[in-house]
Amino acid sequence: MRLMALLAMNGTVLRAILFTLTLTLPSVPSFSYAGIITGPVISVLDGDTIEVLHNQRPERIRLHGIDCPEKGQAYGTKAKQATSALVFGKEVTLQTYGMDKYGRTIADVLQSDGANVNHELVKDGWCWWYRKYAPGDATLERLEIEAREAKRGLWADPTSIPPWEWRKR
């Protein structure tokens, strides 16, 4: 609720508030704590992994609760293109949840208008709801069901293989 109120504020005011908050937080080398961070997206590595410039260095971000097709997998390129269209070169706000076992920050990625990129990718059919890491997420579940029923994105292919199964091959 507080996040949405912050996002509704003028961008300049939001940046000033976030800057003030960062002055009161302990100094850490990365996004290893849960919190709100802003920065420009400088790279899209694949559909569910981006890099955001923070403290003048790139920070690798893994989008929370979703799993996009891998590079080399059907729809992998399209998922990356969809993510790029939503965030590349744009200022985003990250609601961080800590780090994964690969050292990437796990986050929900929010556009300047408050739209949740993770949700948009599921809604448009470019990824799966990653139940293993976001169990019980009713929003992601609903968006995946709707995309499936509408045969959007990768759901147009009835033989789509989830990336967690594809990686085992």
C-alpha atoms as a PDB file:
ATOM      1  CA  MET A   1       0.000   0.000   0.000  1.00  0.00           C
ATOM      2  CA  ARG A   2       2.786   2.425   0.921  1.00  0.00           C
ATOM      3  CA  LEU A   3       4.703   1.496  -2.242  1.00  0.00           C
ATOM      4  CA  MET A   4       1.744   2.373  -4.456  1.00  0.00           C
ATOM      5  CA  ALA A   5       1.336   5.698  -2.645  1.00  0.00           C
ATOM      6  CA  LEU A   6       5.018   6.453  -3.221  1.00  0.00           C
ATOM      7  CA  LEU A   7       4.758   5.521  -6.878  1.00  0.00           C
ATOM      8  CA  ALA A   8       1.774   7.812  -7.294  1.00  0.00           C
ATOM      9  CA  MET A   9       3.935  10.778  -6.214  1.00  0.00           C
ATOM     10  CA  ASN A  10       5.728  13.033  -8.608  1.00  0.00           C
ATOM     11  CA  GLY A  11       8.962  11.379  -9.833  1.00  0.00           C
ATOM     12  CA  THR A  12      11.135  14.178  -8.450  1.00  0.00           C
ATOM     13  CA  VAL A  13       9.575  13.884  -5.009  1.00  0.00           C
ATOM     14  CA  LEU A  14       9.935  10.100  -5.122  1.00  0.00           C
ATOM     15  CA  ARG A  15      13.630  10.349  -6.025  1.00  0.00           C
ATOM     16  CA  ALA A  16      14.199  12.845  -3.204  1.00  0.00           C
ATOM     17  CA  ILE A  17      12.497  10.560  -0.693  1.00  0.00           C
ATOM     18  CA  LEU A  18      14.422   7.519  -1.902  1.00  0.00           C
ATOM     19  CA  PHE A  19      17.695   9.467  -1.810  1.00  0.00           C
ATOM     20  CA  THR A  20      16.990  10.507   1.783  1.00  0.00           C
ATOM     21  CA  LEU A  21      16.157   6.921   2.711  1.00  0.00           C
ATOM     22  CA  THR A  22      19.383   5.625   1.181  1.00  0.00           C
ATOM     23  CA  LEU A  23      21.365   8.034   3.372  1.00  0.00           C
ATOM     24  CA  THR A  24      19.875   6.383   6.455  1.00  0.00           C
ATOM     25  CA  LEU A  25      20.430   2.794   5.309  1.00  0.00           C
ATOM     26  CA  PRO A  26      23.626   0.951   6.133  1.00  0.00           C
ATOM     27  CA  SER A  27      26.205   0.921   3.358  1.00  0.00           C
ATOM     28  CA  VAL A  28      26.052  -2.372   1.473  1.00  0.00           C
ATOM     29  CA  PRO A  29      27.821  -3.414  -1.715  1.00  0.00           C
ATOM     30  CA  SER A  30      24.627  -4.537  -3.470  1.00  0.00           C
ATOM     31  CA  PHE A  31      20.867  -4.961  -3.094  1.00  0.00           C
ATOM     32  CA  SER A  32      21.330  -7.685  -0.476  1.00  0.00           C
ATOM     33  CA  TYR A  33      18.607  -6.175   1.725  1.00  0.00           C
ATOM     34  CA  ALA A  34      14.885  -5.986   1.053  1.00  0.00           C
ATOM     35  CA  GLY A  35      13.822  -2.504   0.055  1.00  0.00           C
ATOM     36  CA  ILE A  36      13.042  -0.061  -2.712  1.00  0.00           C
ATOM     37  CA  ILE A  37      15.718   0.985  -5.217  1.00  0.00           C
ATOM     38  CA  THR A  38      15.524   3.005  -8.439  1.00  0.00           C
ATOM     39  CA  GLY A  39      17.806   3.112 -11.448  1.00  0.00           C
ATOM     40  CA  PRO A  40      18.013   2.827 -15.217  1.00  0.00           C
ATOM     41  CA  VAL A  41      17.944  -0.570 -16.904  1.00  0.00           C
ATOM     42  CA  ILE A  42      21.231  -0.851 -18.805  1.00  0.00           C
ATOM     43  CA  SER A  43      20.967  -4.437 -20.038  1.00  0.00           C
ATOM     44  CA  VAL A  44      18.429  -7.203 -20.580  1.00  0.00           C
ATOM     45  CA  LEU A  45      20.184 -10.550 -20.332  1.00  0.00           C
ATOM     46  CA  ASP A  46      17.096 -12.677 -20.924  1.00  0.00           C
ATOM     47  CA  GLY A  47      13.379 -12.492 -20.246  1.00  0.00           C
ATOM     48  CA  ASP A  48      13.686 -12.653 -16.478  1.00  0.00           C
ATOM     49  CA  THR A  49      17.144 -11.163 -15.818  1.00  0.00           C
ATOM     50  CA  ILE A  50      18.137  -7.513 -16.235  1.00  0.00           C
ATOM     51  CA  GLU A  51      20.899  -5.184 -15.091  1.00  0.00           C
ATOM     52  CA  VAL A  52      20.155  -1.903 -13.351  1.00  0.00           C
ATOM     53  CA  LEU A  53      22.731   0.813 -12.767  1.00  0.00           C
ATOM     54  CA  HIS A  54      23.055   1.416  -9.029  1.00  0.00           C
ATOM     55  CA  ASN A  55      25.838   3.332  -7.303  1.00  0.00           C
ATOM     56  CA  GLN A  56      27.523   3.662 -10.705  1.00  0.00           C
ATOM     57  CA  ARG A  57      27.770  -0.088 -11.240  1.00  0.00           C
ATOM     58  CA  PRO A  58      25.544  -2.702 -12.848  1.00  0.00           C
ATOM     59  CA  GLU A  59      23.485  -4.859 -10.505  1.00  0.00           C
ATOM     60  CA  ARG A  60      22.024  -8.082 -11.843  1.00  0.00           C
ATOM     61  CA  ILE A  61      18.304  -8.438 -11.109  1.00  0.00           C
ATOM     62  CA  ARG A  62      16.251 -11.667 -11.277  1.00  0.00           C
ATOM     63  CA  LEU A  63      12.551 -10.942 -11.702  1.00  0.00           C
ATOM     64  CA  HIS A  64      10.635 -12.387  -8.764  1.00  0.00           C
ATOM     65  CA  GLY A  65       8.027 -15.099  -9.208  1.00  0.00           C
ATOM     66  CA  ILE A  66       8.414 -15.728 -12.938  1.00  0.00           C
ATOM     67  CA  ASP A  67      10.452 -18.002 -15.190  1.00  0.00           C
ATOM     68  CA  CYS A  68      10.910 -17.103 -18.862  1.00  0.00           C
ATOM     69  CA  PRO A  69      12.076 -19.511 -21.550  1.00  0.00           C
ATOM     70  CA  GLU A  70      15.855 -19.877 -21.717  1.00  0.00           C
ATOM     71  CA  LYS A  71      18.099 -18.708 -24.550  1.00  0.00           C
ATOM     72  CA  GLY A  72      17.950 -21.430 -27.173  1.00  0.00           C
ATOM     73  CA  GLN A  73      14.515 -22.522 -25.989  1.00  0.00           C
ATOM     74  CA  ALA A  74      11.359 -21.803 -27.986  1.00  0.00           C
ATOM     75  CA  TYR A  75      10.098 -18.298 -27.137  1.00  0.00           C
ATOM     76  CA  GLY A  76      13.336 -17.395 -25.319  1.00  0.00           C
ATOM     77  CA  THR A  77      14.186 -14.636 -27.799  1.00  0.00           C
ATOM     78  CA  LYS A  78      10.626 -13.300 -27.805  1.00  0.00           C
ATOM     79  CA  ALA A  79      10.561 -13.208 -23.988  1.00  0.00           C
ATOM     80  CA  LYS A  80      13.818 -11.226 -23.974  1.00  0.00           C
ATOM     81  CA  GLN A  81      12.419  -8.829 -26.594  1.00  0.00           C
ATOM     82  CA  ALA A  82       9.239  -8.343 -24.543  1.00  0.00           C
ATOM     83  CA  THR A  83      11.270  -7.530 -21.428  1.00  0.00           C
ATOM     84  CA  SER A  84      13.486  -5.159 -23.427  1.00  0.00           C
ATOM     85  CA  ALA A  85      10.458  -3.324 -24.810  1.00  0.00           C
ATOM     86  CA  LEU A  86       9.136  -2.810 -21.280  1.00  0.00           C
ATOM     87  CA  VAL A  87      12.306  -1.708 -19.474  1.00  0.00           C
ATOM     88  CA  PHE A  88      15.479  -1.228 -21.527  1.00  0.00           C
ATOM     89  CA  GLY A  89      16.869   2.280 -21.115  1.00  0.00           C
ATOM     90  CA  LYS A  90      14.116   3.233 -18.694  1.00  0.00           C
ATOM     91  CA  GLU A  91      14.174   4.211 -15.043  1.00  0.00           C
ATOM     92  CA  VAL A  92      12.589   1.490 -12.908  1.00  0.00           C
ATOM     93  CA  THR A  93      11.794   0.987  -9.260  1.00  0.00           C
ATOM     94  CA  LEU A  94      12.757  -2.320  -7.697  1.00  0.00           C
ATOM     95  CA  GLN A  95      10.967  -3.882  -4.760  1.00  0.00           C
ATOM     96  CA  THR A  96      13.774  -6.177  -3.641  1.00  0.00           C
ATOM     97  CA  TYR A  97      13.473  -9.428  -1.686  1.00  0.00           C
ATOM     98  CA  GLY A  98      17.108 -10.409  -1.137  1.00  0.00           C
ATOM     99  CA  MET A  99      19.466 -12.420  -3.299  1.00  0.00           C
ATOM    100  CA  ASP A 100      19.311 -15.776  -5.051  1.00  0.00           C
ATOM    101  CA  LYS A 101      21.971 -18.482  -4.920  1.00  0.00           C
ATOM    102  CA  TYR A 102      23.711 -16.931  -7.962  1.00  0.00           C
ATOM    103  CA  GLY A 103      24.140 -13.533  -6.302  1.00  0.00           C
ATOM    104  CA  ARG A 104      21.372 -11.837  -8.271  1.00  0.00           C
ATOM    105  CA  THR A 105      18.965  -9.503  -6.509  1.00  0.00           C
ATOM    106  CA  ILE A 106      15.406 -10.827  -6.592  1.00  0.00           C
ATOM    107  CA  ALA A 107      12.872  -8.092  -7.290  1.00  0.00           C
ATOM    108  CA  ASP A 108       9.562  -6.979  -8.630  1.00  0.00           C
ATOM    109  CA  VAL A 109      10.321  -4.428 -11.349  1.00  0.00           C
ATOM    110  CA  LEU A 110       7.997  -1.441 -11.518  1.00  0.00           C
ATOM    111  CA  GLN A 111       7.712   1.020 -14.375  1.00  0.00           C
ATOM    112  CA  SER A 112       7.398   4.761 -13.748  1.00  0.00           C
ATOM    113  CA  ASP A 113       3.590   4.489 -13.934  1.00  0.00           C
ATOM    114  CA  GLY A 114       3.598   1.750 -11.265  1.00  0.00           C
ATOM    115  CA  ALA A 115       2.951  -1.142 -13.668  1.00  0.00           C
ATOM    116  CA  ASN A 116       4.560  -4.368 -12.465  1.00  0.00           C
ATOM    117  CA  VAL A 117       6.802  -5.755 -15.257  1.00  0.00           C
ATOM    118  CA  ASN A 118       6.782  -9.246 -13.743  1.00  0.00           C
ATOM    119  CA  HIS A 119       2.978  -9.259 -14.004  1.00  0.00           C
ATOM    120  CA  GLU A 120       2.998  -7.805 -17.524  1.00  0.00           C
ATOM    121  CA  LEU A 121       5.259 -10.607 -18.786  1.00  0.00           C
ATOM    122  CA  VAL A 122       2.973 -13.292 -17.342  1.00  0.00           C
ATOM    123  CA  LYS A 123      -0.156 -11.493 -18.614  1.00  0.00           C
ATOM    124  CA  ASP A 124       1.290 -11.272 -22.128  1.00  0.00           C
ATOM    125  CA  GLY A 125       2.240 -14.946 -22.106  1.00  0.00           C
ATOM    126  CA  TRP A 126       6.047 -14.658 -22.166  1.00  0.00           C
ATOM    127  CA  CYS A 127       6.735 -16.646 -19.005  1.00  0.00           C
ATOM    128  CA  TRP A 128       5.422 -19.005 -16.402  1.00  0.00           C
ATOM    129  CA  TRP A 129       4.400 -18.229 -12.866  1.00  0.00           C
ATOM    130  CA  TYR A 130       7.335 -19.759 -10.951  1.00  0.00           C
ATOM    131  CA  ARG A 131       5.350 -21.558  -8.262  1.00  0.00           C
ATOM    132  CA  LYS A 132       8.495 -22.877  -6.580  1.00  0.00           C
ATOM    133  CA  TYR A 133       9.651 -19.357  -5.662  1.00  0.00           C
ATOM    134  CA  ALA A 134       6.309 -17.544  -5.422  1.00  0.00           C
ATOM    135  CA  PRO A 135       3.910 -20.132  -4.012  1.00  0.00           C
ATOM    136  CA  GLY A 136       0.396 -18.906  -3.426  1.00  0.00           C
ATOM    137  CA  ASP A 137       0.801 -15.722  -5.490  1.00  0.00           C
ATOM    138  CA  ALA A 138      -2.819 -15.303  -6.543  1.00  0.00           C
ATOM    139  CA  THR A 139      -2.051 -12.469  -8.982  1.00  0.00           C
ATOM    140  CA  LEU A 140       0.568 -14.439 -10.926  1.00  0.00           C
ATOM    141  CA  GLU A 141      -1.687 -17.502 -10.896  1.00  0.00           C
ATOM    142  CA  ARG A 142      -4.652 -15.548 -12.289  1.00  0.00           C
ATOM    143  CA  LEU A 143      -2.532 -13.825 -14.965  1.00  0.00           C
ATOM    144  CA  GLU A 144      -1.066 -17.134 -16.130  1.00  0.00           C
ATOM    145  CA  ILE A 145      -4.503 -18.774 -16.338  1.00  0.00           C
ATOM    146  CA  GLU A 146      -5.828 -15.825 -18.378  1.00  0.00           C
ATOM    147  CA  ALA A 147      -2.831 -15.893 -20.757  1.00  0.00           C
ATOM    148  CA  ARG A 148      -3.179 -19.659 -21.184  1.00  0.00           C
ATOM    149  CA  GLU A 149      -6.890 -19.467 -21.934  1.00  0.00           C
ATOM    150  CA  ALA A 150      -6.332 -16.623 -24.433  1.00  0.00           C
ATOM    151  CA  LYS A 151      -3.368 -18.527 -25.995  1.00  0.00           C
ATOM    152  CA  ARG A 152      -1.158 -15.436 -25.702  1.00  0.00           C
ATOM    153  CA  GLY A 153       2.591 -15.609 -26.302  1.00  0.00           C
ATOM    154  CA  LEU A 154       4.092 -19.021 -25.594  1.00  0.00           C
ATOM    155  CA  TRP A 155       0.643 -20.381 -24.724  1.00  0.00           C
ATOM    156  CA  ALA A 156      -0.147 -20.403 -28.464  1.00  0.00           C
ATOM    157  CA  ASP A 157       2.044 -23.539 -28.533  1.00  0.00           C
ATOM    158  CA  PRO A 158       0.326 -26.405 -26.695  1.00  0.00           C
ATOM    159  CA  THR A 159       3.684 -28.190 -26.330  1.00  0.00           C
ATOM    160  CA  SER A 160       5.530 -25.361 -24.519  1.00  0.00           C
ATOM    161  CA  ILE A 161       8.053 -26.765 -22.069  1.00  0.00           C
ATOM    162  CA  PRO A 162       8.576 -24.932 -18.783  1.00  0.00           C
ATOM    163  CA  PRO A 163      12.179 -23.723 -18.429  1.00  0.00           C
ATOM    164  CA  TRP A 164      12.759 -25.665 -15.194  1.00  0.00           C
ATOM    165  CA  GLU A 165      12.032 -28.877 -17.165  1.00  0.00           C
ATOM    166  CA  TRP A 166      14.012 -27.715 -20.229  1.00  0.00           C
ATOM    167  CA  ARG A 167      17.082 -27.014 -18.046  1.00  0.00           C
ATOM    168  CA  LYS A 168      17.063 -30.635 -16.804  1.00  0.00           C
ATOM    169  CA  ARG A 169      17.627 -31.962 -20.351  1.00  0.00           C
END
